[in-house]
Amino acid sequence: MKTLKLTESEESRLIKILQERYSKSLNLFEISTIKGILEKLGVKVDDWTPDFKDL
């Protein structure tokens, strides 16, 4: 697995992009994947969506 080093502005922009995609998606697998990525980036996602591993 590769590790990415992001600047604060890159991380902030990536989070905004993922949050926008998350809010518009109707695909449960996509939503759960994005939720996992956001949580790894330190964003708390407080909703009913299960983790990808639970699907």
PDB file of N, CA and C in Angstrom:
ATOM      1  N   MET A   1       0.843  -1.175   0.000  1.00  0.00           N
ATOM      2  CA  MET A   1       0.000   0.000   0.000  1.00  0.00           C
ATOM      3  C   MET A   1       0.884   1.233   0.000  1.00  0.00           C
ATOM      4  N   LYS A   2       0.520   2.196  -0.823  1.00  0.00           N
ATOM      5  CA  LYS A   2       1.278   3.443  -0.898  1.00  0.00           C
ATOM      6  C   LYS A   2       0.747   4.438   0.125  1.00  0.00           C
ATOM      7  N   THR A   3       1.640   5.257   0.603  1.00  0.00           N
ATOM      8  CA  THR A   3       1.269   6.330   1.513  1.00  0.00           C
ATOM      9  C   THR A   3       1.352   7.641   0.758  1.00  0.00           C
ATOM     10  N   LEU A   4       0.302   8.431   0.855  1.00  0.00           N
ATOM     11  CA  LEU A   4       0.282   9.735   0.205  1.00  0.00           C
ATOM     12  C   LEU A   4       0.616  10.822   1.208  1.00  0.00           C
ATOM     13  N   LYS A   5       1.401  11.761   0.775  1.00  0.00           N
ATOM     14  CA  LYS A   5       1.686  12.930   1.599  1.00  0.00           C
ATOM     15  C   LYS A   5       0.973  14.105   0.943  1.00  0.00           C
ATOM     16  N   LEU A   6      -0.013  14.650   1.635  1.00  0.00           N
ATOM     17  CA  LEU A   6      -0.798  15.761   1.103  1.00  0.00           C
ATOM     18  C   LEU A   6      -0.529  17.025   1.898  1.00  0.00           C
ATOM     19  N   THR A   7      -0.554  18.145   1.197  1.00  0.00           N
ATOM     20  CA  THR A   7      -0.493  19.418   1.907  1.00  0.00           C
ATOM     21  C   THR A   7      -1.851  19.647   2.556  1.00  0.00           C
ATOM     22  N   GLU A   8      -1.922  20.606   3.463  1.00  0.00           N
ATOM     23  CA  GLU A   8      -3.196  20.900   4.118  1.00  0.00           C
ATOM     24  C   GLU A   8      -4.250  21.331   3.111  1.00  0.00           C
ATOM     25  N   SER A   9      -3.856  22.129   2.120  1.00  0.00           N
ATOM     26  CA  SER A   9      -4.833  22.580   1.125  1.00  0.00           C
ATOM     27  C   SER A   9      -5.294  21.426   0.238  1.00  0.00           C
ATOM     28  N   GLU A  10      -4.386  20.514  -0.101  1.00  0.00           N
ATOM     29  CA  GLU A  10      -4.775  19.344  -0.888  1.00  0.00           C
ATOM     30  C   GLU A  10      -5.731  18.457  -0.105  1.00  0.00           C
ATOM     31  N   GLU A  11      -5.425  18.241   1.158  1.00  0.00           N
ATOM     32  CA  GLU A  11      -6.286  17.415   2.001  1.00  0.00           C
ATOM     33  C   GLU A  11      -7.666  18.049   2.159  1.00  0.00           C
ATOM     34  N   SER A  12      -7.705  19.347   2.384  1.00  0.00           N
ATOM     35  CA  SER A  12      -8.970  20.053   2.530  1.00  0.00           C
ATOM     36  C   SER A  12      -9.812  19.944   1.259  1.00  0.00           C
ATOM     37  N   ARG A  13      -9.169  20.132   0.105  1.00  0.00           N
ATOM     38  CA  ARG A  13      -9.881  20.042  -1.172  1.00  0.00           C
ATOM     39  C   ARG A  13     -10.373  18.634  -1.437  1.00  0.00           C
ATOM     40  N   LEU A  14      -9.545  17.640  -1.138  1.00  0.00           N
ATOM     41  CA  LEU A  14      -9.933  16.247  -1.320  1.00  0.00           C
ATOM     42  C   LEU A  14     -11.135  15.901  -0.442  1.00  0.00           C
ATOM     43  N   ILE A  15     -11.121  16.356   0.784  1.00  0.00           N
ATOM     44  CA  ILE A  15     -12.240  16.106   1.695  1.00  0.00           C
ATOM     45  C   ILE A  15     -13.526  16.727   1.145  1.00  0.00           C
ATOM     46  N   LYS A  16     -13.445  17.942   0.634  1.00  0.00           N
ATOM     47  CA  LYS A  16     -14.633  18.601   0.071  1.00  0.00           C
ATOM     48  C   LYS A  16     -15.167  17.831  -1.135  1.00  0.00           C
ATOM     49  N   ILE A  17     -14.272  17.369  -1.986  1.00  0.00           N
ATOM     50  CA  ILE A  17     -14.676  16.600  -3.167  1.00  0.00           C
ATOM     51  C   ILE A  17     -15.358  15.303  -2.740  1.00  0.00           C
ATOM     52  N   LEU A  18     -14.751  14.593  -1.805  1.00  0.00           N
ATOM     53  CA  LEU A  18     -15.328  13.330  -1.340  1.00  0.00           C
ATOM     54  C   LEU A  18     -16.671  13.542  -0.640  1.00  0.00           C
ATOM     55  N   GLN A  19     -16.784  14.593   0.166  1.00  0.00           N
ATOM     56  CA  GLN A  19     -18.045  14.868   0.845  1.00  0.00           C
ATOM     57  C   GLN A  19     -19.153  15.170  -0.155  1.00  0.00           C
ATOM     58  N   GLU A  20     -18.820  15.909  -1.204  1.00  0.00           N
ATOM     59  CA  GLU A  20     -19.816  16.223  -2.229  1.00  0.00           C
ATOM     60  C   GLU A  20     -20.262  14.954  -2.951  1.00  0.00           C
ATOM     61  N   ARG A  21     -19.308  14.122  -3.326  1.00  0.00           N
ATOM     62  CA  ARG A  21     -19.636  12.856  -4.001  1.00  0.00           C
ATOM     63  C   ARG A  21     -20.446  11.957  -3.082  1.00  0.00           C
ATOM     64  N   TYR A  22     -20.066  11.912  -1.817  1.00  0.00           N
ATOM     65  CA  TYR A  22     -20.757  11.101  -0.809  1.00  0.00           C
ATOM     66  C   TYR A  22     -22.222  11.519  -0.699  1.00  0.00           C
ATOM     67  N   SER A  23     -22.461  12.813  -0.650  1.00  0.00           N
ATOM     68  CA  SER A  23     -23.827  13.309  -0.459  1.00  0.00           C
ATOM     69  C   SER A  23     -24.718  13.093  -1.685  1.00  0.00           C
ATOM     70  N   LYS A  24     -24.124  12.925  -2.866  1.00  0.00           N
ATOM     71  CA  LYS A  24     -24.914  12.761  -4.087  1.00  0.00           C
ATOM     72  C   LYS A  24     -25.044  11.311  -4.549  1.00  0.00           C
ATOM     73  N   SER A  25     -24.257  10.430  -3.983  1.00  0.00           N
ATOM     74  CA  SER A  25     -24.235   9.049  -4.445  1.00  0.00           C
ATOM     75  C   SER A  25     -25.451   8.267  -3.952  1.00  0.00           C
ATOM     76  N   LEU A  26     -25.922   7.377  -4.806  1.00  0.00           N
ATOM     77  CA  LEU A  26     -27.007   6.461  -4.446  1.00  0.00           C
ATOM     78  C   LEU A  26     -26.498   5.020  -4.352  1.00  0.00           C
ATOM     79  N   ASN A  27     -25.214   4.828  -4.581  1.00  0.00           N
ATOM     80  CA  ASN A  27     -24.597   3.510  -4.574  1.00  0.00           C
ATOM     81  C   ASN A  27     -24.049   3.227  -3.177  1.00  0.00           C
ATOM     82  N   LEU A  28     -24.624   2.254  -2.496  1.00  0.00           N
ATOM     83  CA  LEU A  28     -24.243   1.969  -1.113  1.00  0.00           C
ATOM     84  C   LEU A  28     -22.783   1.563  -0.975  1.00  0.00           C
ATOM     85  N   PHE A  29     -22.260   0.805  -1.930  1.00  0.00           N
ATOM     86  CA  PHE A  29     -20.856   0.407  -1.873  1.00  0.00           C
ATOM     87  C   PHE A  29     -19.941   1.619  -2.031  1.00  0.00           C
ATOM     88  N   GLU A  30     -20.296   2.515  -2.942  1.00  0.00           N
ATOM     89  CA  GLU A  30     -19.511   3.730  -3.126  1.00  0.00           C
ATOM     90  C   GLU A  30     -19.563   4.599  -1.868  1.00  0.00           C
ATOM     91  N   ILE A  31     -20.753   4.747  -1.310  1.00  0.00           N
ATOM     92  CA  ILE A  31     -20.929   5.551  -0.100  1.00  0.00           C
ATOM     93  C   ILE A  31     -20.085   4.996   1.042  1.00  0.00           C
ATOM     94  N   SER A  32     -20.126   3.689   1.232  1.00  0.00           N
ATOM     95  CA  SER A  32     -19.369   3.099   2.342  1.00  0.00           C
ATOM     96  C   SER A  32     -17.866   3.212   2.124  1.00  0.00           C
ATOM     97  N   THR A  33     -17.420   3.119   0.863  1.00  0.00           N
ATOM     98  CA  THR A  33     -15.998   3.288   0.551  1.00  0.00           C
ATOM     99  C   THR A  33     -15.547   4.717   0.836  1.00  0.00           C
ATOM    100  N   ILE A  34     -16.339   5.689   0.375  1.00  0.00           N
ATOM    101  CA  ILE A  34     -16.009   7.093   0.620  1.00  0.00           C
ATOM    102  C   ILE A  34     -16.027   7.388   2.114  1.00  0.00           C
ATOM    103  N   LYS A  35     -16.987   6.824   2.825  1.00  0.00           N
ATOM    104  CA  LYS A  35     -17.053   7.010   4.283  1.00  0.00           C
ATOM    105  C   LYS A  35     -15.758   6.530   4.930  1.00  0.00           C
ATOM    106  N   GLY A  36     -15.259   5.383   4.512  1.00  0.00           N
ATOM    107  CA  GLY A  36     -14.011   4.856   5.059  1.00  0.00           C
ATOM    108  C   GLY A  36     -12.820   5.761   4.782  1.00  0.00           C
ATOM    109  N   ILE A  37     -12.765   6.299   3.584  1.00  0.00           N
ATOM    110  CA  ILE A  37     -11.673   7.209   3.224  1.00  0.00           C
ATOM    111  C   ILE A  37     -11.754   8.485   4.057  1.00  0.00           C
ATOM    112  N   LEU A  38     -12.959   9.051   4.169  1.00  0.00           N
ATOM    113  CA  LEU A  38     -13.127  10.269   4.965  1.00  0.00           C
ATOM    114  C   LEU A  38     -12.725  10.040   6.420  1.00  0.00           C
ATOM    115  N   GLU A  39     -13.102   8.892   6.961  1.00  0.00           N
ATOM    116  CA  GLU A  39     -12.740   8.592   8.349  1.00  0.00           C
ATOM    117  C   GLU A  39     -11.226   8.447   8.504  1.00  0.00           C
ATOM    118  N   LYS A  40     -10.556   7.873   7.506  1.00  0.00           N
ATOM    119  CA  LYS A  40      -9.093   7.775   7.547  1.00  0.00           C
ATOM    120  C   LYS A  40      -8.445   9.154   7.498  1.00  0.00           C
ATOM    121  N   LEU A  41      -9.147  10.099   6.873  1.00  0.00           N
ATOM    122  CA  LEU A  41      -8.646  11.477   6.803  1.00  0.00           C
ATOM    123  C   LEU A  41      -9.030  12.281   8.045  1.00  0.00           C
ATOM    124  N   GLY A  42      -9.675  11.629   9.001  1.00  0.00           N
ATOM    125  CA  GLY A  42     -10.009  12.287  10.261  1.00  0.00           C
ATOM    126  C   GLY A  42     -11.352  12.988  10.279  1.00  0.00           C
ATOM    127  N   VAL A  43     -12.188  12.720   9.262  1.00  0.00           N
ATOM    128  CA  VAL A  43     -13.512  13.332   9.199  1.00  0.00           C
ATOM    129  C   VAL A  43     -14.520  12.385   9.838  1.00  0.00           C
ATOM    130  N   LYS A  44     -15.285  12.886  10.794  1.00  0.00           N
ATOM    131  CA  LYS A  44     -16.309  12.067  11.440  1.00  0.00           C
ATOM    132  C   LYS A  44     -17.540  12.029  10.549  1.00  0.00           C
ATOM    133  N   VAL A  45     -17.950  10.827  10.157  1.00  0.00           N
ATOM    134  CA  VAL A  45     -19.144  10.639   9.344  1.00  0.00           C
ATOM    135  C   VAL A  45     -20.167   9.957  10.244  1.00  0.00           C
ATOM    136  N   ASP A  46     -21.161  10.712  10.649  1.00  0.00           N
ATOM    137  CA  ASP A  46     -22.130  10.220  11.626  1.00  0.00           C
ATOM    138  C   ASP A  46     -23.471   9.979  10.924  1.00  0.00           C
ATOM    139  N   ASP A  47     -23.620   8.790  10.359  1.00  0.00           N
ATOM    140  CA  ASP A  47     -24.865   8.439   9.703  1.00  0.00           C
ATOM    141  C   ASP A  47     -25.104   6.937   9.805  1.00  0.00           C
ATOM    142  N   TRP A  48     -26.080   6.466   9.099  1.00  0.00           N
ATOM    143  CA  TRP A  48     -26.488   5.067   9.178  1.00  0.00           C
ATOM    144  C   TRP A  48     -25.687   4.145   8.264  1.00  0.00           C
ATOM    145  N   THR A  49     -24.861   4.696   7.395  1.00  0.00           N
ATOM    146  CA  THR A  49     -24.173   3.893   6.392  1.00  0.00           C
ATOM    147  C   THR A  49     -23.225   2.883   7.037  1.00  0.00           C
ATOM    148  N   PRO A  50     -23.354   1.596   6.680  1.00  0.00           N
ATOM    149  CA  PRO A  50     -22.437   0.602   7.234  1.00  0.00           C
ATOM    150  C   PRO A  50     -21.040   0.750   6.643  1.00  0.00           C
ATOM    151  N   ASP A  51     -20.065   0.203   7.341  1.00  0.00           N
ATOM    152  CA  ASP A  51     -18.713   0.158   6.798  1.00  0.00           C
ATOM    153  C   ASP A  51     -18.696  -0.848   5.641  1.00  0.00           C
ATOM    154  N   PHE A  52     -17.773  -0.666   4.706  1.00  0.00           N
ATOM    155  CA  PHE A  52     -17.682  -1.541   3.542  1.00  0.00           C
ATOM    156  C   PHE A  52     -17.551  -2.998   3.962  1.00  0.00           C
ATOM    157  N   LYS A  53     -16.775  -3.263   4.992  1.00  0.00           N
ATOM    158  CA  LYS A  53     -16.556  -4.650   5.436  1.00  0.00           C
ATOM    159  C   LYS A  53     -17.843  -5.282   5.959  1.00  0.00           C
ATOM    160  N   ASP A  54     -18.805  -4.466   6.416  1.00  0.00           N
ATOM    161  CA  ASP A  54     -20.078  -4.978   6.920  1.00  0.00           C
ATOM    162  C   ASP A  54     -21.057  -5.322   5.809  1.00  0.00           C
ATOM    163  N   LEU A  55     -20.768  -4.855   4.599  1.00  0.00           N
ATOM    164  CA  LEU A  55     -21.653  -5.153   3.461  1.00  0.00           C
ATOM    165  C   LEU A  55     -21.324  -6.523   2.962  1.00  0.00           C
TER     166      LEU A  55
END
